[in-house]
């Protein structure tokens, strides 16, 4: 999941339409959060009725140290959906750039917290 998140960050950095850059960065952060859940989450008790919830809500339960990040990215989920739907001017260039930088920081913190080193793929010459 972290390798896919890194790939999403690269894609976001290369994407010019602001909305698509925002969406790609948000999805990269979502994948990093999923990596935390995959590493730390425990199955719920079988007698308990499971409710559908967001990755960001689950992240707070599983890794409370990422609570501020979860709140930040949860607030951007609606904009991401609107950008993916092609709604024009839903995201400014500044918002897309800020979210990309935040996603890069978040992915790096997740990587550190999970004790996983990331080795970027070398491009063929």
C-alpha atoms as a PDB file:
ATOM      1  CA  UNK A   1       0.000   0.000   0.000  1.00  0.00           C
ATOM      2  CA  UNK A   2       2.836   2.403   0.766  1.00  0.00           C
ATOM      3  CA  UNK A   3       4.434   1.768  -2.619  1.00  0.00           C
ATOM      4  CA  UNK A   4       1.113   2.563  -4.263  1.00  0.00           C
ATOM      5  CA  UNK A   5       0.834   5.693  -2.097  1.00  0.00           C
ATOM      6  CA  UNK A   6       4.279   6.803  -3.257  1.00  0.00           C
ATOM      7  CA  UNK A   7       3.242   6.175  -6.857  1.00  0.00           C
ATOM      8  CA  UNK A   8       0.173   8.329  -6.267  1.00  0.00           C
ATOM      9  CA  UNK A   9       2.351  11.146  -4.960  1.00  0.00           C
ATOM     10  CA  UNK A  10       4.502  10.977  -8.078  1.00  0.00           C
ATOM     11  CA  UNK A  11       1.372  10.994 -10.237  1.00  0.00           C
ATOM     12  CA  UNK A  12      -0.030  13.958  -8.312  1.00  0.00           C
ATOM     13  CA  UNK A  13       3.218  15.862  -8.765  1.00  0.00           C
ATOM     14  CA  UNK A  14       3.039  15.359 -12.540  1.00  0.00           C
ATOM     15  CA  UNK A  15      -0.651  16.182 -12.899  1.00  0.00           C
ATOM     16  CA  UNK A  16      -1.478  19.682 -14.079  1.00  0.00           C
ATOM     17  CA  UNK A  17      -5.239  20.073 -13.667  1.00  0.00           C
ATOM     18  CA  UNK A  18      -5.615  21.289 -10.081  1.00  0.00           C
ATOM     19  CA  UNK A  19      -8.602  19.107  -9.281  1.00  0.00           C
ATOM     20  CA  UNK A  20      -6.934  15.951 -10.512  1.00  0.00           C
ATOM     21  CA  UNK A  21      -3.708  16.802  -8.640  1.00  0.00           C
ATOM     22  CA  UNK A  22      -5.767  17.298  -5.470  1.00  0.00           C
ATOM     23  CA  UNK A  23      -7.588  13.998  -6.001  1.00  0.00           C
ATOM     24  CA  UNK A  24      -4.384  12.050  -6.675  1.00  0.00           C
ATOM     25  CA  UNK A  25      -2.705  13.474  -3.565  1.00  0.00           C
ATOM     26  CA  UNK A  26      -5.762  12.701  -1.424  1.00  0.00           C
ATOM     27  CA  UNK A  27      -5.871   9.127  -2.725  1.00  0.00           C
ATOM     28  CA  UNK A  28      -2.175   8.702  -1.923  1.00  0.00           C
ATOM     29  CA  UNK A  29      -2.886   9.740   1.661  1.00  0.00           C
ATOM     30  CA  UNK A  30      -5.868   7.379   1.757  1.00  0.00           C
ATOM     31  CA  UNK A  31      -3.638   4.499   0.681  1.00  0.00           C
ATOM     32  CA  UNK A  32      -1.104   5.341   3.384  1.00  0.00           C
ATOM     33  CA  UNK A  33      -3.917   5.314   5.955  1.00  0.00           C
ATOM     34  CA  UNK A  34      -5.000   1.928   4.612  1.00  0.00           C
ATOM     35  CA  UNK A  35      -1.450   0.678   5.161  1.00  0.00           C
ATOM     36  CA  UNK A  36      -1.684   1.672   8.837  1.00  0.00           C
ATOM     37  CA  UNK A  37      -5.027  -0.093   9.145  1.00  0.00           C
ATOM     38  CA  UNK A  38      -3.664  -3.217   7.465  1.00  0.00           C
ATOM     39  CA  UNK A  39      -0.698  -3.274   9.829  1.00  0.00           C
ATOM     40  CA  UNK A  40      -2.457  -2.463  13.088  1.00  0.00           C
ATOM     41  CA  UNK A  41      -6.191  -3.184  12.880  1.00  0.00           C
ATOM     42  CA  UNK A  42      -7.696  -6.180  14.598  1.00  0.00           C
ATOM     43  CA  UNK A  43     -10.916  -7.856  13.467  1.00  0.00           C
ATOM     44  CA  UNK A  44     -14.052  -6.848  15.348  1.00  0.00           C
ATOM     45  CA  UNK A  45     -15.766  -9.324  17.633  1.00  0.00           C
ATOM     46  CA  UNK A  46     -18.080 -11.570  15.604  1.00  0.00           C
ATOM     47  CA  UNK A  47     -21.117 -10.729  17.765  1.00  0.00           C
ATOM     48  CA  UNK A  48     -20.742  -7.011  17.207  1.00  0.00           C
ATOM     49  CA  UNK A  49     -22.585  -5.471  14.294  1.00  0.00           C
ATOM     50  CA  UNK A  50     -20.070  -3.719  12.074  1.00  0.00           C
ATOM     51  CA  UNK A  51     -20.920  -0.293  10.729  1.00  0.00           C
ATOM     52  CA  UNK A  52     -19.584   1.107   7.501  1.00  0.00           C
ATOM     53  CA  UNK A  53     -17.252   3.960   8.311  1.00  0.00           C
ATOM     54  CA  UNK A  54     -14.508   5.937   6.626  1.00  0.00           C
ATOM     55  CA  UNK A  55     -10.845   5.025   6.633  1.00  0.00           C
ATOM     56  CA  UNK A  56     -10.201   8.314   8.443  1.00  0.00           C
ATOM     57  CA  UNK A  57     -12.558   7.370  11.282  1.00  0.00           C
ATOM     58  CA  UNK A  58     -10.952   3.963  11.584  1.00  0.00           C
ATOM     59  CA  UNK A  59      -7.467   5.475  11.530  1.00  0.00           C
ATOM     60  CA  UNK A  60      -8.250   7.510  14.648  1.00  0.00           C
ATOM     61  CA  UNK A  61      -9.321   4.338  16.457  1.00  0.00           C
ATOM     62  CA  UNK A  62      -6.351   2.245  15.356  1.00  0.00           C
ATOM     63  CA  UNK A  63      -3.633   4.914  15.422  1.00  0.00           C
ATOM     64  CA  UNK A  64      -4.717   7.917  17.506  1.00  0.00           C
ATOM     65  CA  UNK A  65      -1.376   9.616  16.865  1.00  0.00           C
ATOM     66  CA  UNK A  66      -2.654  10.270  13.336  1.00  0.00           C
ATOM     67  CA  UNK A  67      -5.866  11.918  14.547  1.00  0.00           C
ATOM     68  CA  UNK A  68      -5.041  15.390  13.259  1.00  0.00           C
ATOM     69  CA  UNK A  69      -4.083  13.987   9.882  1.00  0.00           C
ATOM     70  CA  UNK A  70      -7.307  11.980   9.761  1.00  0.00           C
ATOM     71  CA  UNK A  71      -9.363  15.108  10.464  1.00  0.00           C
ATOM     72  CA  UNK A  72      -7.466  17.097   7.854  1.00  0.00           C
ATOM     73  CA  UNK A  73      -7.895  14.534   5.085  1.00  0.00           C
ATOM     74  CA  UNK A  74     -11.506  13.728   6.043  1.00  0.00           C
ATOM     75  CA  UNK A  75     -12.366  17.390   5.495  1.00  0.00           C
ATOM     76  CA  UNK A  76     -10.960  17.164   1.965  1.00  0.00           C
ATOM     77  CA  UNK A  77     -12.882  14.044   0.936  1.00  0.00           C
ATOM     78  CA  UNK A  78     -15.813  16.006  -0.458  1.00  0.00           C
ATOM     79  CA  UNK A  79     -13.555  18.192  -2.575  1.00  0.00           C
ATOM     80  CA  UNK A  80     -11.756  15.113  -3.835  1.00  0.00           C
ATOM     81  CA  UNK A  81     -15.049  13.544  -4.905  1.00  0.00           C
ATOM     82  CA  UNK A  82     -16.127  16.765  -6.630  1.00  0.00           C
ATOM     83  CA  UNK A  83     -12.773  17.054  -8.415  1.00  0.00           C
ATOM     84  CA  UNK A  84     -12.959  13.426  -9.561  1.00  0.00           C
ATOM     85  CA  UNK A  85     -16.470  14.096 -10.845  1.00  0.00           C
ATOM     86  CA  UNK A  86     -15.029  16.838 -13.055  1.00  0.00           C
ATOM     87  CA  UNK A  87     -16.677  19.789 -11.364  1.00  0.00           C
ATOM     88  CA  UNK A  88     -14.676  22.790 -12.571  1.00  0.00           C
ATOM     89  CA  UNK A  89     -12.886  25.177 -10.217  1.00  0.00           C
ATOM     90  CA  UNK A  90     -13.720  23.179  -7.081  1.00  0.00           C
ATOM     91  CA  UNK A  91     -10.042  23.262  -6.104  1.00  0.00           C
ATOM     92  CA  UNK A  92      -7.520  26.063  -6.521  1.00  0.00           C
ATOM     93  CA  UNK A  93      -3.900  25.525  -7.524  1.00  0.00           C
ATOM     94  CA  UNK A  94      -2.855  26.502  -4.001  1.00  0.00           C
ATOM     95  CA  UNK A  95      -5.221  23.964  -2.406  1.00  0.00           C
ATOM     96  CA  UNK A  96      -3.905  21.221  -4.684  1.00  0.00           C
ATOM     97  CA  UNK A  97      -0.285  22.118  -3.926  1.00  0.00           C
ATOM     98  CA  UNK A  98      -0.958  22.320  -0.183  1.00  0.00           C
ATOM     99  CA  UNK A  99      -2.714  18.957  -0.155  1.00  0.00           C
ATOM    100  CA  UNK A 100       0.116  17.370  -2.112  1.00  0.00           C
ATOM    101  CA  UNK A 101       2.687  18.642   0.400  1.00  0.00           C
ATOM    102  CA  UNK A 102       0.518  17.439   3.291  1.00  0.00           C
ATOM    103  CA  UNK A 103       0.087  14.025   1.681  1.00  0.00           C
ATOM    104  CA  UNK A 104       3.850  13.741   1.198  1.00  0.00           C
ATOM    105  CA  UNK A 105       4.393  14.512   4.889  1.00  0.00           C
ATOM    106  CA  UNK A 106       1.677  12.103   5.959  1.00  0.00           C
ATOM    107  CA  UNK A 107       3.027   9.245   3.829  1.00  0.00           C
ATOM    108  CA  UNK A 108       6.523   9.843   5.246  1.00  0.00           C
ATOM    109  CA  UNK A 109       5.179   9.787   8.831  1.00  0.00           C
ATOM    110  CA  UNK A 110       3.223   6.587   8.167  1.00  0.00           C
ATOM    111  CA  UNK A 111       6.311   5.019   6.664  1.00  0.00           C
ATOM    112  CA  UNK A 112       8.336   5.962   9.735  1.00  0.00           C
ATOM    113  CA  UNK A 113       5.642   4.797  12.169  1.00  0.00           C
ATOM    114  CA  UNK A 114       5.435   1.420  10.451  1.00  0.00           C
ATOM    115  CA  UNK A 115       9.215   1.093  10.270  1.00  0.00           C
ATOM    116  CA  UNK A 116       9.144   0.657   6.523  1.00  0.00           C
ATOM    117  CA  UNK A 117      11.848   2.038   4.288  1.00  0.00           C
ATOM    118  CA  UNK A 118      10.856   3.176   0.822  1.00  0.00           C
ATOM    119  CA  UNK A 119      13.187   2.622  -2.088  1.00  0.00           C
ATOM    120  CA  UNK A 120      12.020   4.444  -5.224  1.00  0.00           C
ATOM    121  CA  UNK A 121      12.122   2.472  -8.435  1.00  0.00           C
ATOM    122  CA  UNK A 122      14.974   3.344 -10.723  1.00  0.00           C
ATOM    123  CA  UNK A 123      13.895   4.529 -14.128  1.00  0.00           C
ATOM    124  CA  UNK A 124      15.273   2.621 -17.099  1.00  0.00           C
ATOM    125  CA  UNK A 125      17.804   4.557 -19.117  1.00  0.00           C
END
